[in-house]
Amino acid sequence: MNELQARKTNYKLTLEEPLRVLDANLIHQLDEALMHVGTFGEVRLVVVKGVLRYIQVMYSETVQRHR
């Protein structure tokens, strides 16, 4: 079990204002992307014409140098 899986909770979030862009499905997709990014990387949200269109996940790996 990795660290993110160990932090799963079963609580409900109460917001002062309703979300205008995110819905439950998108929040789940973002959570999955963050979980899979690994030790080091980036999760980017790509907006096209004012609409969220893509979630980009960039993974990073250590370069092995041979001398």
N, C-alpha and C. Protein backbone atom coordinates (compact mmCIF):
# COMPACT_ATOMS: atom_id res chain seq x y z
N MET A 1 0.85 -1.18 0.00
CA MET A 1 0.00 0.00 0.00
C MET A 1 0.89 1.24 0.00
N ASN A 2 0.68 2.16 -0.96
CA ASN A 2 1.50 3.36 -0.97
C ASN A 2 0.91 4.42 -0.03
N GLU A 3 1.66 5.50 0.13
CA GLU A 3 1.28 6.54 1.08
C GLU A 3 -0.08 7.16 0.76
N LEU A 4 -0.36 7.40 -0.53
CA LEU A 4 -1.64 8.01 -0.90
C LEU A 4 -2.81 7.08 -0.61
N GLN A 5 -2.64 5.80 -0.84
CA GLN A 5 -3.71 4.85 -0.55
C GLN A 5 -3.98 4.79 0.95
N ALA A 6 -2.94 4.94 1.75
CA ALA A 6 -3.09 4.87 3.20
C ALA A 6 -3.89 6.06 3.73
N ARG A 7 -3.95 7.17 2.98
CA ARG A 7 -4.63 8.37 3.44
C ARG A 7 -6.07 8.46 2.98
N LYS A 8 -6.62 7.43 2.38
CA LYS A 8 -8.01 7.47 1.93
C LYS A 8 -8.94 7.70 3.13
N THR A 9 -9.95 8.52 2.90
CA THR A 9 -10.92 8.81 3.95
C THR A 9 -12.33 8.65 3.39
N ASN A 10 -13.27 8.58 4.28
CA ASN A 10 -14.68 8.48 3.89
C ASN A 10 -15.46 9.64 4.51
N TYR A 11 -15.12 10.85 4.12
CA TYR A 11 -15.83 12.00 4.63
C TYR A 11 -16.41 12.81 3.48
N LYS A 12 -17.38 13.63 3.80
CA LYS A 12 -18.00 14.49 2.80
C LYS A 12 -17.47 15.90 2.97
N LEU A 13 -17.28 16.56 1.85
CA LEU A 13 -16.77 17.92 1.84
C LEU A 13 -17.93 18.88 1.71
N THR A 14 -17.99 19.86 2.59
CA THR A 14 -19.02 20.90 2.52
C THR A 14 -18.36 22.18 2.04
N LEU A 15 -18.86 22.72 0.95
CA LEU A 15 -18.30 23.93 0.36
C LEU A 15 -19.18 25.13 0.64
N GLU A 16 -18.55 26.30 0.76
CA GLU A 16 -19.31 27.53 0.97
C GLU A 16 -20.06 27.92 -0.29
N GLU A 17 -19.49 27.59 -1.47
CA GLU A 17 -20.12 27.88 -2.75
C GLU A 17 -20.04 26.63 -3.62
N PRO A 18 -20.99 26.43 -4.52
CA PRO A 18 -20.93 25.25 -5.40
C PRO A 18 -19.76 25.35 -6.38
N LEU A 19 -19.24 24.21 -6.77
CA LEU A 19 -18.18 24.17 -7.77
C LEU A 19 -18.76 24.52 -9.13
N ARG A 20 -18.01 25.26 -9.93
CA ARG A 20 -18.51 25.68 -11.23
C ARG A 20 -17.86 24.89 -12.37
N VAL A 21 -16.71 24.29 -12.14
CA VAL A 21 -16.00 23.57 -13.20
C VAL A 21 -15.88 22.08 -12.87
N LEU A 22 -15.56 21.78 -11.65
CA LEU A 22 -15.33 20.39 -11.26
C LEU A 22 -16.63 19.70 -10.88
N ASP A 23 -16.71 18.40 -11.22
CA ASP A 23 -17.80 17.57 -10.74
C ASP A 23 -17.17 16.33 -10.11
N ALA A 24 -17.97 15.45 -9.58
CA ALA A 24 -17.44 14.28 -8.87
C ALA A 24 -16.56 13.42 -9.77
N ASN A 25 -16.95 13.24 -11.03
CA ASN A 25 -16.16 12.43 -11.95
C ASN A 25 -14.80 13.06 -12.22
N LEU A 26 -14.77 14.36 -12.45
CA LEU A 26 -13.51 15.05 -12.72
C LEU A 26 -12.61 15.05 -11.49
N ILE A 27 -13.19 15.24 -10.33
CA ILE A 27 -12.39 15.18 -9.10
C ILE A 27 -11.76 13.81 -8.96
N HIS A 28 -12.51 12.76 -9.28
CA HIS A 28 -11.96 11.40 -9.24
C HIS A 28 -10.81 11.25 -10.24
N GLN A 29 -10.98 11.77 -11.46
CA GLN A 29 -9.91 11.69 -12.47
C GLN A 29 -8.66 12.43 -12.02
N LEU A 30 -8.82 13.60 -11.41
CA LEU A 30 -7.68 14.34 -10.90
C LEU A 30 -6.99 13.59 -9.77
N ASP A 31 -7.76 13.00 -8.90
CA ASP A 31 -7.21 12.21 -7.80
C ASP A 31 -6.40 11.04 -8.33
N GLU A 32 -6.92 10.36 -9.35
CA GLU A 32 -6.19 9.24 -9.97
C GLU A 32 -4.89 9.71 -10.60
N ALA A 33 -4.94 10.84 -11.31
CA ALA A 33 -3.73 11.38 -11.94
C ALA A 33 -2.68 11.71 -10.89
N LEU A 34 -3.09 12.33 -9.80
CA LEU A 34 -2.14 12.66 -8.73
C LEU A 34 -1.58 11.41 -8.08
N MET A 35 -2.40 10.38 -7.95
CA MET A 35 -1.93 9.14 -7.36
C MET A 35 -0.89 8.46 -8.24
N HIS A 36 -1.05 8.56 -9.57
CA HIS A 36 -0.17 7.85 -10.49
C HIS A 36 1.04 8.66 -10.93
N VAL A 37 1.14 9.91 -10.52
CA VAL A 37 2.26 10.74 -10.96
C VAL A 37 3.58 10.24 -10.39
N GLY A 38 3.53 9.55 -9.27
CA GLY A 38 4.75 8.99 -8.70
C GLY A 38 5.46 9.95 -7.77
N THR A 39 6.72 9.66 -7.53
CA THR A 39 7.52 10.43 -6.58
C THR A 39 7.75 11.85 -7.04
N PHE A 40 7.94 12.02 -8.34
CA PHE A 40 8.20 13.35 -8.88
C PHE A 40 7.55 13.46 -10.25
N GLY A 41 6.83 14.51 -10.49
CA GLY A 41 6.20 14.71 -11.79
C GLY A 41 5.24 15.88 -11.72
N GLU A 42 4.41 16.00 -12.73
CA GLU A 42 3.46 17.11 -12.81
C GLU A 42 2.11 16.62 -13.30
N VAL A 43 1.07 17.26 -12.81
CA VAL A 43 -0.28 17.07 -13.34
C VAL A 43 -0.72 18.45 -13.82
N ARG A 44 -1.05 18.53 -15.11
CA ARG A 44 -1.46 19.81 -15.71
C ARG A 44 -2.89 19.71 -16.19
N LEU A 45 -3.61 20.81 -16.02
CA LEU A 45 -4.96 20.91 -16.55
C LEU A 45 -4.89 21.78 -17.79
N VAL A 46 -5.41 21.28 -18.89
CA VAL A 46 -5.37 22.02 -20.16
C VAL A 46 -6.77 22.54 -20.46
N VAL A 47 -6.87 23.84 -20.59
CA VAL A 47 -8.14 24.51 -20.88
C VAL A 47 -8.11 25.00 -22.32
N VAL A 48 -9.14 24.65 -23.08
CA VAL A 48 -9.27 25.08 -24.47
C VAL A 48 -10.60 25.83 -24.60
N LYS A 49 -10.51 27.06 -25.04
CA LYS A 49 -11.70 27.91 -25.20
C LYS A 49 -12.55 27.97 -23.94
N GLY A 50 -11.88 28.06 -22.79
CA GLY A 50 -12.56 28.21 -21.52
C GLY A 50 -13.12 26.92 -20.93
N VAL A 51 -12.84 25.78 -21.57
CA VAL A 51 -13.36 24.50 -21.10
C VAL A 51 -12.19 23.57 -20.77
N LEU A 52 -12.24 22.94 -19.61
CA LEU A 52 -11.21 21.97 -19.25
C LEU A 52 -11.31 20.79 -20.21
N ARG A 53 -10.22 20.52 -20.96
CA ARG A 53 -10.26 19.50 -22.00
C ARG A 53 -9.37 18.30 -21.71
N TYR A 54 -8.23 18.52 -21.05
CA TYR A 54 -7.27 17.44 -20.87
C TYR A 54 -6.64 17.50 -19.48
N ILE A 55 -6.26 16.33 -19.00
CA ILE A 55 -5.40 16.21 -17.83
C ILE A 55 -4.12 15.57 -18.33
N GLN A 56 -3.01 16.29 -18.20
CA GLN A 56 -1.72 15.76 -18.62
C GLN A 56 -0.94 15.32 -17.38
N VAL A 57 -0.38 14.13 -17.45
CA VAL A 57 0.45 13.63 -16.35
C VAL A 57 1.86 13.43 -16.89
N MET A 58 2.83 14.08 -16.26
CA MET A 58 4.23 13.94 -16.67
C MET A 58 4.96 13.19 -15.57
N TYR A 59 5.56 12.10 -15.97
CA TYR A 59 6.35 11.29 -15.05
C TYR A 59 7.81 11.64 -15.21
N SER A 60 8.58 11.56 -14.15
CA SER A 60 10.01 11.81 -14.21
C SER A 60 10.74 10.59 -13.69
N GLU A 61 11.87 10.29 -14.33
CA GLU A 61 12.70 9.19 -13.90
C GLU A 61 14.13 9.69 -13.72
N THR A 62 14.84 9.11 -12.79
CA THR A 62 16.23 9.45 -12.57
C THR A 62 17.07 8.91 -13.71
N VAL A 63 18.01 9.74 -14.16
CA VAL A 63 18.91 9.33 -15.24
C VAL A 63 20.04 8.52 -14.63
N GLN A 64 20.28 7.35 -15.20
CA GLN A 64 21.39 6.50 -14.76
C GLN A 64 22.62 6.84 -15.57
N ARG A 65 23.64 7.35 -14.96
CA ARG A 65 24.87 7.72 -15.67
C ARG A 65 25.90 6.61 -15.54
N HIS A 66 26.45 6.23 -16.67
CA HIS A 66 27.51 5.22 -16.70
C HIS A 66 28.81 5.91 -17.05
N ARG A 67 29.84 5.70 -16.27
CA ARG A 67 31.13 6.34 -16.54
C ARG A 67 32.17 5.31 -16.85
